[in-house]
Amino acid sequence: MLRRTVVVAVLLARVVPVAAHHSIAGVYDSGRAVTIDGIVSAFHFVNPHPYVEIDVSESTATTRWRVELDNRYELAAVGMSAMTIRAGDRVVIVGSAARDGSRGLYARSLQRPSDGFLYEQVGFSPRVKLPRTP
């Protein structure tokens, strides 16, 4: 009976899918910091990680970057929402470059100079300085 239970448990362990969270270090290189300055084309406040699409004007063309933030639950806990960052906002972002060479970053800081908004990734937690009020 014990042997049958062990066999069933092993088979179930192989069949039942396990939700895995990707490793930030596996996707982004924390040793390669990149700074971009551009205009938000979209902010996706989604699970598991919200991300911002940024249009960066270079000498001859505009390129689109995808910037991943900390998880949605933690961002909401520090006061961010789907309305915090909007299309048309000019932002300056410092982040860890994508290991695959794509135009992707994991944000370490995101600043919106127009009103003083600041998002920072400090250790394993996000910190937000909300905009100045007039």
N, C-alpha and C. Protein backbone atom coordinates (compact mmCIF):
# COMPACT_ATOMS: atom_id res chain seq x y z
N MET A 1 0.81 -1.20 0.00
CA MET A 1 0.00 0.00 0.00
C MET A 1 0.86 1.27 0.00
N LEU A 2 1.91 1.26 0.83
CA LEU A 2 2.80 2.43 0.90
C LEU A 2 3.48 2.66 -0.44
N ARG A 3 3.91 1.56 -1.07
CA ARG A 3 4.58 1.70 -2.37
C ARG A 3 3.64 2.31 -3.40
N ARG A 4 2.39 1.89 -3.42
CA ARG A 4 1.41 2.42 -4.37
C ARG A 4 1.19 3.92 -4.12
N THR A 5 1.14 4.33 -2.87
CA THR A 5 0.96 5.74 -2.53
C THR A 5 2.14 6.57 -3.03
N VAL A 6 3.35 6.04 -2.86
CA VAL A 6 4.54 6.76 -3.32
C VAL A 6 4.54 6.88 -4.84
N VAL A 7 4.18 5.81 -5.53
CA VAL A 7 4.14 5.84 -7.00
C VAL A 7 3.11 6.86 -7.48
N VAL A 8 1.94 6.87 -6.88
CA VAL A 8 0.90 7.83 -7.26
C VAL A 8 1.37 9.26 -7.00
N ALA A 9 2.00 9.49 -5.86
CA ALA A 9 2.50 10.83 -5.52
C ALA A 9 3.54 11.30 -6.54
N VAL A 10 4.45 10.42 -6.93
CA VAL A 10 5.48 10.78 -7.91
C VAL A 10 4.84 11.09 -9.26
N LEU A 11 3.88 10.29 -9.67
CA LEU A 11 3.21 10.55 -10.95
C LEU A 11 2.44 11.87 -10.92
N LEU A 12 1.76 12.15 -9.84
CA LEU A 12 1.04 13.41 -9.74
C LEU A 12 1.99 14.60 -9.74
N ALA A 13 3.12 14.46 -9.12
CA ALA A 13 4.10 15.55 -9.09
C ALA A 13 4.59 15.88 -10.49
N ARG A 14 4.63 14.89 -11.36
CA ARG A 14 5.08 15.13 -12.73
C ARG A 14 3.98 15.72 -13.60
N VAL A 15 2.72 15.44 -13.26
CA VAL A 15 1.60 15.86 -14.08
C VAL A 15 1.04 17.21 -13.67
N VAL A 16 0.97 17.50 -12.39
CA VAL A 16 0.38 18.74 -11.90
C VAL A 16 1.29 19.91 -12.22
N PRO A 17 0.80 20.91 -12.97
CA PRO A 17 1.65 22.06 -13.30
C PRO A 17 1.92 22.91 -12.06
N VAL A 18 3.08 23.47 -12.02
CA VAL A 18 3.48 24.34 -10.93
C VAL A 18 3.67 25.74 -11.48
N ALA A 19 3.03 26.72 -10.84
CA ALA A 19 3.20 28.10 -11.27
C ALA A 19 4.58 28.57 -10.81
N ALA A 20 5.39 29.01 -11.74
CA ALA A 20 6.73 29.45 -11.40
C ALA A 20 6.88 30.93 -11.68
N HIS A 21 7.59 31.61 -10.84
CA HIS A 21 7.86 33.03 -11.01
C HIS A 21 9.26 33.14 -11.60
N HIS A 22 9.41 33.93 -12.65
CA HIS A 22 10.73 34.03 -13.27
C HIS A 22 11.70 34.75 -12.34
N SER A 23 12.95 34.42 -12.52
CA SER A 23 14.00 35.07 -11.76
C SER A 23 14.37 36.36 -12.46
N ILE A 24 14.30 37.48 -11.74
CA ILE A 24 14.69 38.77 -12.32
C ILE A 24 16.14 38.69 -12.79
N ALA A 25 17.01 38.07 -11.98
CA ALA A 25 18.42 37.96 -12.33
C ALA A 25 18.63 37.10 -13.58
N GLY A 26 17.72 36.19 -13.84
CA GLY A 26 17.83 35.35 -15.03
C GLY A 26 17.46 36.09 -16.31
N VAL A 27 16.63 37.11 -16.18
CA VAL A 27 16.15 37.87 -17.34
C VAL A 27 16.91 39.17 -17.54
N TYR A 28 17.30 39.81 -16.43
CA TYR A 28 17.97 41.11 -16.50
C TYR A 28 19.34 41.05 -15.83
N ASP A 29 20.28 41.81 -16.38
CA ASP A 29 21.66 41.84 -15.89
C ASP A 29 21.86 43.07 -14.99
N SER A 30 21.89 42.84 -13.68
CA SER A 30 22.02 43.97 -12.74
C SER A 30 23.37 44.66 -12.85
N GLY A 31 24.33 44.05 -13.51
CA GLY A 31 25.63 44.67 -13.72
C GLY A 31 25.69 45.59 -14.93
N ARG A 32 24.62 45.64 -15.72
CA ARG A 32 24.56 46.49 -16.91
C ARG A 32 23.44 47.51 -16.76
N ALA A 33 23.75 48.64 -16.16
CA ALA A 33 22.76 49.70 -15.98
C ALA A 33 22.61 50.49 -17.27
N VAL A 34 21.38 50.80 -17.62
CA VAL A 34 21.06 51.58 -18.80
C VAL A 34 20.12 52.72 -18.36
N THR A 35 20.35 53.90 -18.92
CA THR A 35 19.47 55.04 -18.65
C THR A 35 18.78 55.42 -19.95
N ILE A 36 17.46 55.57 -19.88
CA ILE A 36 16.70 56.03 -21.04
C ILE A 36 15.85 57.23 -20.63
N ASP A 37 15.58 58.10 -21.60
CA ASP A 37 14.77 59.29 -21.41
C ASP A 37 13.78 59.28 -22.57
N GLY A 38 12.50 59.19 -22.25
CA GLY A 38 11.54 59.12 -23.34
C GLY A 38 10.12 59.41 -22.91
N ILE A 39 9.20 59.11 -23.81
CA ILE A 39 7.79 59.40 -23.62
C ILE A 39 7.02 58.09 -23.46
N VAL A 40 6.19 58.02 -22.43
CA VAL A 40 5.38 56.83 -22.18
C VAL A 40 4.36 56.67 -23.30
N SER A 41 4.35 55.49 -23.91
CA SER A 41 3.30 55.21 -24.89
C SER A 41 2.18 54.39 -24.25
N ALA A 42 2.51 53.61 -23.19
CA ALA A 42 1.48 52.84 -22.48
C ALA A 42 2.01 52.39 -21.13
N PHE A 43 1.11 52.28 -20.16
CA PHE A 43 1.43 51.73 -18.85
C PHE A 43 0.46 50.58 -18.61
N HIS A 44 0.99 49.40 -18.42
CA HIS A 44 0.19 48.20 -18.22
C HIS A 44 0.30 47.78 -16.75
N PHE A 45 -0.73 48.07 -15.97
CA PHE A 45 -0.74 47.77 -14.53
C PHE A 45 -1.33 46.37 -14.36
N VAL A 46 -0.53 45.37 -14.71
CA VAL A 46 -0.99 43.98 -14.78
C VAL A 46 -0.19 43.09 -13.84
N ASN A 47 -0.72 41.90 -13.58
CA ASN A 47 0.00 40.87 -12.83
C ASN A 47 0.82 40.04 -13.80
N PRO A 48 1.94 39.49 -13.43
CA PRO A 48 2.55 39.67 -12.12
C PRO A 48 3.36 40.96 -12.01
N HIS A 49 3.87 41.47 -13.13
CA HIS A 49 4.70 42.68 -13.10
C HIS A 49 4.16 43.73 -14.07
N PRO A 50 3.74 44.88 -13.55
CA PRO A 50 3.38 45.98 -14.44
C PRO A 50 4.58 46.38 -15.30
N TYR A 51 4.29 46.91 -16.46
CA TYR A 51 5.38 47.38 -17.32
C TYR A 51 4.96 48.64 -18.07
N VAL A 52 5.99 49.39 -18.47
CA VAL A 52 5.79 50.66 -19.17
C VAL A 52 6.43 50.53 -20.54
N GLU A 53 5.75 51.02 -21.56
CA GLU A 53 6.32 51.09 -22.90
C GLU A 53 6.76 52.53 -23.12
N ILE A 54 8.04 52.70 -23.47
CA ILE A 54 8.64 54.03 -23.60
C ILE A 54 9.16 54.22 -25.02
N ASP A 55 8.83 55.35 -25.62
CA ASP A 55 9.38 55.72 -26.92
C ASP A 55 10.57 56.64 -26.68
N VAL A 56 11.74 56.19 -27.15
CA VAL A 56 12.98 56.94 -26.96
C VAL A 56 13.45 57.43 -28.31
N SER A 57 13.60 58.75 -28.43
CA SER A 57 14.09 59.33 -29.69
C SER A 57 15.60 59.27 -29.70
N GLU A 58 16.11 58.65 -30.75
CA GLU A 58 17.56 58.59 -30.96
C GLU A 58 17.88 59.47 -32.15
N SER A 59 19.10 59.49 -32.57
CA SER A 59 19.52 60.42 -33.62
C SER A 59 18.72 60.30 -34.91
N THR A 60 18.39 59.09 -35.32
CA THR A 60 17.70 58.93 -36.61
C THR A 60 16.32 58.30 -36.51
N ALA A 61 15.97 57.77 -35.35
CA ALA A 61 14.69 57.07 -35.23
C ALA A 61 14.21 57.05 -33.78
N THR A 62 12.98 56.63 -33.63
CA THR A 62 12.42 56.42 -32.30
C THR A 62 12.34 54.92 -32.06
N THR A 63 12.80 54.51 -30.88
CA THR A 63 12.74 53.09 -30.54
C THR A 63 11.83 52.90 -29.33
N ARG A 64 11.21 51.76 -29.27
CA ARG A 64 10.31 51.44 -28.15
C ARG A 64 11.03 50.50 -27.18
N TRP A 65 10.97 50.86 -25.91
CA TRP A 65 11.55 50.07 -24.84
C TRP A 65 10.43 49.53 -23.96
N ARG A 66 10.65 48.36 -23.39
CA ARG A 66 9.71 47.76 -22.43
C ARG A 66 10.41 47.74 -21.08
N VAL A 67 9.80 48.39 -20.09
CA VAL A 67 10.41 48.53 -18.77
C VAL A 67 9.52 47.85 -17.74
N GLU A 68 10.06 46.82 -17.12
CA GLU A 68 9.32 46.05 -16.12
C GLU A 68 9.54 46.65 -14.73
N LEU A 69 8.45 46.67 -13.94
CA LEU A 69 8.51 47.17 -12.58
C LEU A 69 8.33 46.01 -11.60
N ASP A 70 8.36 46.31 -10.31
CA ASP A 70 8.14 45.32 -9.28
C ASP A 70 6.71 44.76 -9.40
N ASN A 71 6.38 43.78 -8.58
CA ASN A 71 5.06 43.14 -8.74
C ASN A 71 3.91 44.09 -8.40
N ARG A 72 2.79 43.83 -9.01
CA ARG A 72 1.61 44.71 -8.93
C ARG A 72 1.14 44.90 -7.49
N TYR A 73 1.12 43.82 -6.72
CA TYR A 73 0.66 43.90 -5.33
C TYR A 73 1.49 44.90 -4.53
N GLU A 74 2.81 44.82 -4.66
CA GLU A 74 3.67 45.74 -3.91
C GLU A 74 3.54 47.18 -4.41
N LEU A 75 3.36 47.36 -5.71
CA LEU A 75 3.19 48.72 -6.23
C LEU A 75 1.89 49.33 -5.71
N ALA A 76 0.82 48.55 -5.67
CA ALA A 76 -0.44 49.06 -5.13
C ALA A 76 -0.29 49.40 -3.65
N ALA A 77 0.49 48.61 -2.92
CA ALA A 77 0.68 48.84 -1.48
C ALA A 77 1.41 50.15 -1.20
N VAL A 78 2.24 50.63 -2.15
CA VAL A 78 2.95 51.90 -1.95
C VAL A 78 2.26 53.07 -2.65
N GLY A 79 1.04 52.85 -3.14
CA GLY A 79 0.25 53.96 -3.66
C GLY A 79 0.13 54.07 -5.16
N MET A 80 0.68 53.13 -5.92
CA MET A 80 0.57 53.23 -7.38
C MET A 80 -0.73 52.58 -7.85
N SER A 81 -1.22 53.07 -9.00
CA SER A 81 -2.41 52.52 -9.62
C SER A 81 -2.24 52.58 -11.13
N ALA A 82 -3.24 52.14 -11.83
CA ALA A 82 -3.21 52.19 -13.30
C ALA A 82 -3.14 53.62 -13.82
N MET A 83 -3.45 54.60 -12.99
CA MET A 83 -3.45 56.00 -13.41
C MET A 83 -2.18 56.75 -13.01
N THR A 84 -1.26 56.09 -12.31
CA THR A 84 -0.05 56.77 -11.83
C THR A 84 0.84 57.23 -12.97
N ILE A 85 0.99 56.41 -13.97
CA ILE A 85 1.83 56.74 -15.13
C ILE A 85 0.91 56.73 -16.34
N ARG A 86 1.00 57.77 -17.16
CA ARG A 86 0.08 57.89 -18.30
C ARG A 86 0.82 58.10 -19.61
N ALA A 87 0.16 57.69 -20.68
CA ALA A 87 0.70 57.94 -22.01
C ALA A 87 0.95 59.43 -22.16
N GLY A 88 2.10 59.78 -22.71
CA GLY A 88 2.47 61.19 -22.90
C GLY A 88 3.41 61.72 -21.84
N ASP A 89 3.51 61.02 -20.69
CA ASP A 89 4.44 61.45 -19.64
C ASP A 89 5.88 61.29 -20.13
N ARG A 90 6.71 62.29 -19.87
CA ARG A 90 8.15 62.16 -20.11
C ARG A 90 8.76 61.56 -18.86
N VAL A 91 9.54 60.51 -19.03
CA VAL A 91 10.17 59.83 -17.89
C VAL A 91 11.64 59.57 -18.16
N VAL A 92 12.40 59.49 -17.08
CA VAL A 92 13.81 59.10 -17.14
C VAL A 92 13.92 57.84 -16.29
N ILE A 93 14.44 56.79 -16.90
CA ILE A 93 14.49 55.49 -16.24
C ILE A 93 15.92 54.97 -16.21
N VAL A 94 16.32 54.45 -15.07
CA VAL A 94 17.58 53.73 -14.93
C VAL A 94 17.20 52.30 -14.60
N GLY A 95 17.75 51.35 -15.34
CA GLY A 95 17.38 49.96 -15.10
C GLY A 95 18.46 48.99 -15.51
N SER A 96 18.21 47.75 -15.17
CA SER A 96 19.09 46.65 -15.54
C SER A 96 18.71 46.15 -16.92
N ALA A 97 19.69 46.01 -17.79
CA ALA A 97 19.46 45.64 -19.18
C ALA A 97 19.01 44.18 -19.32
N ALA A 98 18.15 43.94 -20.31
CA ALA A 98 17.71 42.58 -20.61
C ALA A 98 18.91 41.76 -21.08
N ARG A 99 19.01 40.54 -20.59
CA ARG A 99 20.12 39.66 -20.97
C ARG A 99 20.06 39.23 -22.43
N ASP A 100 18.85 39.22 -23.01
CA ASP A 100 18.73 38.74 -24.39
C ASP A 100 19.05 39.82 -25.43
N GLY A 101 19.45 41.01 -24.99
CA GLY A 101 19.83 42.08 -25.92
C GLY A 101 18.67 42.89 -26.45
N SER A 102 17.45 42.57 -26.03
CA SER A 102 16.29 43.34 -26.48
C SER A 102 16.26 44.69 -25.79
N ARG A 103 15.37 45.55 -26.23
CA ARG A 103 15.21 46.86 -25.59
C ARG A 103 14.29 46.71 -24.39
N GLY A 104 14.82 46.03 -23.38
CA GLY A 104 14.07 45.78 -22.17
C GLY A 104 14.91 46.12 -20.95
N LEU A 105 14.23 46.63 -19.92
CA LEU A 105 14.90 46.97 -18.67
C LEU A 105 14.05 46.50 -17.50
N TYR A 106 14.71 46.23 -16.39
CA TYR A 106 14.04 46.09 -15.10
C TYR A 106 14.34 47.38 -14.36
N ALA A 107 13.30 48.17 -14.09
CA ALA A 107 13.49 49.51 -13.54
C ALA A 107 14.07 49.49 -12.14
N ARG A 108 15.13 50.27 -11.97
CA ARG A 108 15.68 50.55 -10.63
C ARG A 108 15.17 51.90 -10.16
N SER A 109 14.95 52.81 -11.12
CA SER A 109 14.31 54.09 -10.79
C SER A 109 13.58 54.60 -12.03
N LEU A 110 12.47 55.29 -11.77
CA LEU A 110 11.69 55.92 -12.83
C LEU A 110 11.28 57.28 -12.28
N GLN A 111 11.72 58.33 -12.98
CA GLN A 111 11.42 59.70 -12.56
C GLN A 111 10.56 60.38 -13.60
N ARG A 112 9.62 61.18 -13.13
CA ARG A 112 8.83 62.02 -14.02
C ARG A 112 9.17 63.45 -13.62
N PRO A 113 10.10 64.10 -14.36
CA PRO A 113 10.58 65.43 -13.99
C PRO A 113 9.50 66.50 -13.87
N SER A 114 8.41 66.36 -14.60
CA SER A 114 7.39 67.42 -14.60
C SER A 114 6.74 67.65 -13.25
N ASP A 115 6.67 66.62 -12.41
CA ASP A 115 5.99 66.81 -11.12
C ASP A 115 6.72 66.18 -9.93
N GLY A 116 7.90 65.63 -10.15
CA GLY A 116 8.67 65.07 -9.05
C GLY A 116 8.34 63.64 -8.67
N PHE A 117 7.47 62.96 -9.44
CA PHE A 117 7.18 61.56 -9.14
C PHE A 117 8.47 60.74 -9.24
N LEU A 118 8.67 59.83 -8.29
CA LEU A 118 9.85 58.97 -8.29
C LEU A 118 9.48 57.58 -7.82
N TYR A 119 9.79 56.59 -8.64
CA TYR A 119 9.67 55.18 -8.28
C TYR A 119 11.09 54.66 -8.15
N GLU A 120 11.38 53.95 -7.06
CA GLU A 120 12.69 53.34 -6.88
C GLU A 120 12.53 51.91 -6.42
N GLN A 121 13.38 51.06 -6.91
CA GLN A 121 13.45 49.68 -6.43
C GLN A 121 14.59 49.65 -5.42
N VAL A 122 14.27 49.48 -4.15
CA VAL A 122 15.26 49.51 -3.08
C VAL A 122 15.34 48.11 -2.50
N GLY A 123 16.44 47.41 -2.77
CA GLY A 123 16.53 46.02 -2.34
C GLY A 123 15.45 45.22 -3.03
N PHE A 124 14.60 44.59 -2.25
CA PHE A 124 13.52 43.78 -2.83
C PHE A 124 12.17 44.50 -2.80
N SER A 125 12.16 45.77 -2.41
CA SER A 125 10.90 46.49 -2.25
C SER A 125 10.87 47.79 -3.04
N PRO A 126 9.68 48.15 -3.55
CA PRO A 126 9.55 49.43 -4.24
C PRO A 126 9.30 50.56 -3.25
N ARG A 127 9.71 51.75 -3.66
CA ARG A 127 9.44 52.95 -2.87
C ARG A 127 8.97 54.01 -3.86
N VAL A 128 7.97 54.77 -3.48
CA VAL A 128 7.40 55.78 -4.37
C VAL A 128 7.32 57.11 -3.66
N LYS A 129 7.75 58.15 -4.38
CA LYS A 129 7.54 59.53 -3.94
C LYS A 129 6.47 60.08 -4.86
N LEU A 130 5.31 60.35 -4.29
CA LEU A 130 4.20 60.82 -5.10
C LEU A 130 4.40 62.27 -5.54
N PRO A 131 3.71 62.68 -6.59
CA PRO A 131 3.90 64.04 -7.15
C PRO A 131 3.65 65.15 -6.14
N ARG A 132 4.35 66.25 -6.39
CA ARG A 132 4.09 67.46 -5.62
C ARG A 132 2.69 67.96 -5.93
N THR A 133 2.04 68.51 -4.96
CA THR A 133 0.73 69.11 -5.22
C THR A 133 0.89 70.63 -5.27
N PRO A 134 0.21 71.29 -6.21
CA PRO A 134 0.38 72.75 -6.34
C PRO A 134 -0.15 73.51 -5.16
